[in-house]
Protein backbone atom coordinates (compact mmCIF):
# COMPACT_ATOMS: atom_id res chain seq x y z
CA UNK A 1 -157.05 72.34 158.63
CA UNK A 2 -154.97 69.35 159.58
CA UNK A 3 -153.15 67.31 156.99
CA UNK A 4 -155.50 64.40 157.74
CA UNK A 5 -158.49 66.52 156.78
CA UNK A 6 -159.67 67.55 160.24
CA UNK A 7 -160.11 71.20 161.12
CA UNK A 8 -159.39 72.84 164.46
CA UNK A 9 -162.09 75.40 165.20
CA UNK A 10 -162.91 77.51 168.21
CA UNK A 11 -166.13 75.53 168.65
CA UNK A 12 -164.13 72.36 169.23
CA UNK A 13 -162.77 73.74 172.51
CA UNK A 14 -165.77 72.40 174.46
CA UNK A 15 -165.22 69.01 172.87
CA UNK A 16 -161.55 69.12 173.86
CA UNK A 17 -162.46 69.94 177.47
CA UNK A 18 -164.99 67.12 177.45
CA UNK A 19 -162.40 64.65 176.20
CA UNK A 20 -159.98 65.87 178.87
CA UNK A 21 -162.47 65.14 181.66
CA UNK A 22 -163.24 61.82 180.00
CA UNK A 23 -159.52 61.00 180.00
CA UNK A 24 -159.40 61.78 183.73
CA UNK A 25 -162.13 59.22 184.24
CA UNK A 26 -160.40 56.47 182.28
CA UNK A 27 -156.79 57.35 183.17
CA UNK A 28 -156.62 57.76 186.94
CA UNK A 29 -152.94 58.70 186.80
CA UNK A 30 -153.75 61.62 184.50
CA UNK A 31 -156.41 62.76 186.98
CA UNK A 32 -153.92 62.61 189.84
CA UNK A 33 -151.38 64.60 187.83
CA UNK A 34 -154.01 67.20 186.95
CA UNK A 35 -154.91 67.51 190.64
CA UNK A 36 -151.25 67.99 191.59
CA UNK A 37 -150.93 70.63 188.87
CA UNK A 38 -153.94 72.54 190.23
CA UNK A 39 -152.47 72.46 193.75
CA UNK A 40 -149.10 73.73 192.49
CA UNK A 41 -150.74 76.58 190.60
CA UNK A 42 -152.81 77.49 193.67
CA UNK A 43 -149.68 77.53 195.83
CA UNK A 44 -147.85 79.66 193.26
CA UNK A 45 -150.65 82.23 193.12
CA UNK A 46 -151.97 82.30 196.68
CA UNK A 47 -149.34 80.38 198.66
CA UNK A 48 -147.74 83.27 200.50
CA UNK A 49 -151.20 84.52 201.53
CA UNK A 50 -152.36 81.28 203.16
CA UNK A 51 -149.20 79.89 204.78
CA UNK A 52 -149.17 80.04 208.61
CA UNK A 53 -145.72 81.64 208.89
CA UNK A 54 -143.48 83.94 206.92
CA UNK A 55 -141.26 81.87 204.60
CA UNK A 56 -138.16 83.80 205.65
CA UNK A 57 -138.94 84.46 209.32
CA UNK A 58 -136.53 82.81 211.77
CA UNK A 59 -137.40 81.66 215.29
CA UNK A 60 -135.96 79.88 218.29
CA UNK A 61 -137.79 76.64 217.38
CA UNK A 62 -134.88 75.19 215.42
CA UNK A 63 -134.84 71.66 213.98
CA UNK A 64 -138.31 70.81 215.25
CA UNK A 65 -139.84 67.61 213.78
CA UNK A 66 -143.24 67.69 212.04
CA UNK A 67 -146.07 68.61 214.38
CA UNK A 68 -149.43 70.37 214.39
CA UNK A 69 -147.64 73.68 214.91
CA UNK A 70 -145.21 73.02 212.05
CA UNK A 71 -146.60 70.48 209.58
CA UNK A 72 -143.24 69.90 207.86
CA UNK A 73 -141.10 70.79 210.87
CA UNK A 74 -138.55 73.62 211.05
CA UNK A 75 -135.02 74.04 209.73
CA UNK A 76 -131.78 75.00 211.48
CA UNK A 77 -132.87 78.66 211.61
CA UNK A 78 -136.32 77.93 212.95
CA UNK A 79 -138.10 78.67 209.67
CA UNK A 80 -141.30 76.79 208.96
CA UNK A 81 -140.56 74.31 206.17
CA UNK A 82 -144.20 73.98 205.14
CA UNK A 83 -144.45 77.74 204.55
CA UNK A 84 -141.17 77.77 202.63
CA UNK A 85 -142.16 74.77 200.51
CA UNK A 86 -145.51 76.30 199.56
CA UNK A 87 -144.00 79.72 198.85
CA UNK A 88 -141.28 78.15 196.70
CA UNK A 89 -143.90 77.07 194.15
CA UNK A 90 -144.13 80.64 192.85
CA UNK A 91 -140.41 80.84 192.10
CA UNK A 92 -140.05 77.40 190.55
CA UNK A 93 -143.23 77.51 188.50
CA UNK A 94 -142.53 81.09 187.42
CA UNK A 95 -138.99 80.26 186.28
CA UNK A 96 -140.16 77.13 184.44
CA UNK A 97 -143.11 78.85 182.77
CA UNK A 98 -141.03 81.84 181.68
CA UNK A 99 -138.18 79.70 180.35
CA UNK A 100 -140.41 77.24 178.50
CA UNK A 101 -142.51 80.05 176.99
CA UNK A 102 -139.38 81.82 175.77
CA UNK A 103 -137.86 78.66 174.32
CA UNK A 104 -141.21 77.68 172.76
CA UNK A 105 -141.56 80.98 170.89
CA UNK A 106 -137.94 81.20 169.71
CA UNK A 107 -137.57 77.50 168.93
CA UNK A 108 -140.89 77.26 167.06
CA UNK A 109 -140.16 80.32 164.90
CA UNK A 110 -136.67 79.08 164.03
CA UNK A 111 -137.77 75.50 163.45
CA UNK A 112 -140.73 76.45 161.26
CA UNK A 113 -138.50 78.75 159.21
CA UNK A 114 -135.91 76.02 158.74
CA UNK A 115 -138.47 73.42 157.76
CA UNK A 116 -140.42 75.67 155.38
CA UNK A 117 -137.69 77.63 153.60
CA UNK A 118 -134.87 75.08 153.76
CA UNK A 119 -131.65 76.06 151.94
CA UNK A 120 -129.10 78.14 153.88
CA UNK A 121 -131.64 79.04 156.58
CA UNK A 122 -132.05 75.36 157.43
CA UNK A 123 -128.29 74.80 157.47
CA UNK A 124 -127.54 77.74 159.77
CA UNK A 125 -130.32 76.89 162.24
CA UNK A 126 -129.35 73.22 162.09
CA UNK A 127 -125.71 73.93 162.92
CA UNK A 128 -126.75 76.20 165.79
CA UNK A 129 -128.99 73.45 167.17
CA UNK A 130 -126.26 70.85 166.85
CA UNK A 131 -123.83 73.13 168.68
CA UNK A 132 -126.15 73.50 171.66
CA UNK A 133 -126.97 69.79 171.74
CA UNK A 134 -123.27 68.90 171.64
CA UNK A 135 -122.92 69.99 175.28
CA UNK A 136 -124.45 68.20 178.28
CA UNK A 137 -127.46 70.48 178.74
CA UNK A 138 -127.26 70.87 182.51
CA UNK A 139 -123.53 71.62 182.30
CA UNK A 140 -124.28 74.22 179.64
CA UNK A 141 -126.91 75.80 181.90
CA UNK A 142 -124.37 75.87 184.74
CA UNK A 143 -121.84 77.62 182.50
CA UNK A 144 -124.34 80.23 181.33
CA UNK A 145 -125.51 81.06 184.86
CA UNK A 146 -121.93 81.13 186.16
CA UNK A 147 -120.97 83.56 183.38
CA UNK A 148 -124.02 85.82 183.65
CA UNK A 149 -124.60 85.63 187.41
CA UNK A 150 -127.09 83.64 189.46
CA UNK A 151 -130.16 85.84 189.19
CA UNK A 152 -133.66 84.58 188.45
CA UNK A 153 -133.65 86.16 185.00
CA UNK A 154 -130.34 84.53 184.10
CA UNK A 155 -131.69 81.16 185.26
CA UNK A 156 -134.65 81.71 182.92
CA UNK A 157 -132.29 82.53 180.03
CA UNK A 158 -130.09 79.49 180.67
CA UNK A 159 -133.08 77.15 180.96
CA UNK A 160 -134.62 78.59 177.80
CA UNK A 161 -131.41 78.18 175.79
CA UNK A 162 -131.03 74.50 176.60
CA UNK A 163 -134.70 73.86 175.72
CA UNK A 164 -134.73 75.71 172.38
CA UNK A 165 -133.28 72.79 170.34
CA UNK A 166 -136.21 70.54 171.27
CA UNK A 167 -138.71 72.95 169.72
CA UNK A 168 -136.51 73.67 166.71
CA UNK A 169 -136.17 70.00 165.83
CA UNK A 170 -139.80 69.17 166.46
CA UNK A 171 -141.32 72.12 164.58
CA UNK A 172 -138.85 71.74 161.71
CA UNK A 173 -139.75 68.07 161.24
CA UNK A 174 -143.49 68.77 161.36
CA UNK A 175 -143.38 71.72 158.96
CA UNK A 176 -141.04 69.87 156.59
CA UNK A 177 -143.60 67.05 156.51
CA UNK A 178 -146.62 69.30 155.96
CA UNK A 179 -145.25 71.96 153.62
CA UNK A 180 -146.22 69.94 150.51
CA UNK A 181 -149.64 68.92 151.88
CA UNK A 182 -152.75 69.72 149.90
CA UNK A 183 -154.07 72.45 152.20
CA UNK A 184 -150.71 74.27 152.00
CA UNK A 185 -150.72 74.13 148.20
CA UNK A 186 -154.32 75.34 148.19
CA UNK A 187 -153.40 78.27 150.43
CA UNK A 188 -150.45 79.15 148.18
CA UNK A 189 -152.62 79.03 145.03
CA UNK A 190 -155.16 81.27 146.80
CA UNK A 191 -152.52 83.98 147.02
CA UNK A 192 -151.33 83.54 150.61
CA UNK A 193 -147.74 84.57 151.26
CA UNK A 194 -145.18 82.45 153.05
CA UNK A 195 -145.62 84.17 156.41
CA UNK A 196 -149.39 83.77 156.31
CA UNK A 197 -149.09 80.10 155.38
CA UNK A 198 -146.71 79.57 158.29
CA UNK A 199 -148.80 81.49 160.82
CA UNK A 200 -152.36 80.73 159.76
CA UNK A 201 -152.11 77.25 158.26
CA UNK A 202 -149.03 75.36 159.46
CA UNK A 203 -148.70 76.63 163.03
CA UNK A 204 -152.24 75.56 164.11
CA UNK A 205 -151.52 72.06 162.79
CA UNK A 206 -148.26 71.57 164.70
CA UNK A 207 -149.53 73.24 167.90
CA UNK A 208 -151.24 70.19 169.51
CA UNK A 209 -148.12 67.98 169.46
CA UNK A 210 -146.05 71.00 170.50
CA UNK A 211 -148.24 71.35 173.60
CA UNK A 212 -147.22 67.82 174.54
CA UNK A 213 -143.55 68.78 174.23
CA UNK A 214 -144.20 71.96 176.21
CA UNK A 215 -145.73 70.03 179.10
CA UNK A 216 -142.80 67.62 179.21
CA UNK A 217 -140.32 70.50 179.14
CA UNK A 218 -142.05 72.17 182.08
CA UNK A 219 -141.06 69.27 184.32
CA UNK A 220 -137.49 69.38 183.02
CA UNK A 221 -137.32 73.17 183.51
CA UNK A 222 -138.44 72.88 187.14
CA UNK A 223 -135.85 70.16 187.74
CA UNK A 224 -133.16 72.24 186.02
CA UNK A 225 -133.93 75.33 188.12
CA UNK A 226 -133.93 73.26 191.31
CA UNK A 227 -130.67 71.58 190.30
CA UNK A 228 -128.96 74.91 189.74
CA UNK A 229 -130.13 76.12 193.14
CA UNK A 230 -129.00 72.87 194.76
CA UNK A 231 -125.39 73.41 193.66
CA UNK A 232 -125.45 77.11 194.55
CA UNK A 233 -125.90 78.59 191.06
CA UNK A 234 -129.62 79.24 191.26
CA UNK A 235 -131.85 81.38 193.43
CA UNK A 236 -130.02 82.86 196.39
CA UNK A 237 -131.00 82.14 200.02
CA UNK A 238 -133.06 82.99 201.98
CA UNK A 239 -135.51 83.05 199.05
CA UNK A 240 -137.60 79.86 199.30
CA UNK A 241 -136.95 77.53 196.37
CA UNK A 242 -137.27 73.75 196.24
CA UNK A 243 -133.66 73.14 195.21
CA UNK A 244 -132.36 75.35 198.02
CA UNK A 245 -134.58 73.61 200.57
CA UNK A 246 -133.30 70.19 199.51
CA UNK A 247 -129.72 71.46 199.54
CA UNK A 248 -130.09 72.93 203.04
CA UNK A 249 -131.63 69.70 204.30
CA UNK A 250 -129.00 67.44 202.76
CA UNK A 251 -126.41 68.37 205.38
CA UNK A 252 -128.75 67.24 208.18
CA UNK A 253 -129.45 63.74 206.86
CA UNK A 254 -126.68 62.13 208.90
CA UNK A 255 -127.79 63.80 212.13
CA UNK A 256 -131.35 62.50 211.64
CA UNK A 257 -133.32 65.64 210.72
CA UNK A 258 -134.84 63.93 207.65
CA UNK A 259 -137.84 66.23 207.35
CA UNK A 260 -135.76 69.23 206.22
CA UNK A 261 -135.07 67.70 202.81
CA UNK A 262 -137.79 65.03 202.62
CA UNK A 263 -140.86 67.23 202.22
CA UNK A 264 -139.44 69.75 199.72
CA UNK A 265 -137.89 66.87 197.76
CA UNK A 266 -141.20 65.02 197.67
CA UNK A 267 -143.01 68.12 196.41
CA UNK A 268 -140.34 68.60 193.73
CA UNK A 269 -140.74 64.99 192.60
CA UNK A 270 -144.53 65.38 192.53
CA UNK A 271 -144.29 68.52 190.40
CA UNK A 272 -142.01 66.90 187.81
CA UNK A 273 -144.15 63.77 187.86
CA UNK A 274 -147.34 65.73 187.21
CA UNK A 275 -145.98 67.53 184.15
CA UNK A 276 -144.58 64.31 182.68
CA UNK A 277 -147.88 62.47 183.13
CA UNK A 278 -149.83 65.45 181.78
CA UNK A 279 -147.61 65.38 178.70
CA UNK A 280 -148.42 61.72 178.14
CA UNK A 281 -152.10 62.46 178.66
CA UNK A 282 -152.07 65.32 176.17
CA UNK A 283 -150.43 63.01 173.65
CA UNK A 284 -153.39 60.64 173.97
CA UNK A 285 -155.80 63.56 173.92
CA UNK A 286 -154.54 64.93 170.61
CA UNK A 287 -154.05 61.51 168.99
CA UNK A 288 -156.97 61.72 166.57
CA UNK A 289 -156.02 58.57 164.69
CA UNK A 290 -155.72 56.66 167.94
CA UNK A 291 -159.25 57.64 168.91
């Protein structure tokens, strides 16, 4: 049960889906973002099966502008940029999803514990959060990847670490606000232990706003992974990744081969845009008082 007296039940899922489609009808931008998200997921799952060329195959058709044969043109090694851009969705979305999921689980558990138990647990977790937030987050991610090595798993770890404080602070504040609510006191009087109260009563009530934060962090995680690859600390070539594609195309801007960086960069912007708009849409979707 929510603190405002509303209960989240499995039967309300159909109502939630209905409100989501209704929001698409009233908020065109949310509908566009949802469409972009579906396309990105499709490319991540089936992209390498439907692209016209191998993402890593070189050819003699180097630096060819966009055409019917190569929709996004080719790079300096003759690789089809459209195929590489589509195939890169799997890496970027996979890194972002893994990192955000890891930071969500760890940050939520730590934040809920700090907000519910308080005392020395709250102080230790708070100091740890402050320590991470004291560094510029992208610089911290660079340092972690440089120390551990630029593998995909290490990029996931670095991205997760810099996102953990967001979930700690958010879940701590929500649990600290709700821990004295009537439904929590009723659960405690009924004989429920602390862990059951946290897992069965408090967590379902903070989950909807946490989903909003999760969606926003997905866009940041994709941008972080692409940024690391852009400066050479991310995924290693010739693996297709949006940051690498933009980095490879940047050196050809002066000579006029704009398509090498333009199309991957546009797709990267669209991906970050879609998650940010989806986050705003989810905020409206879960705003019961606003409705």
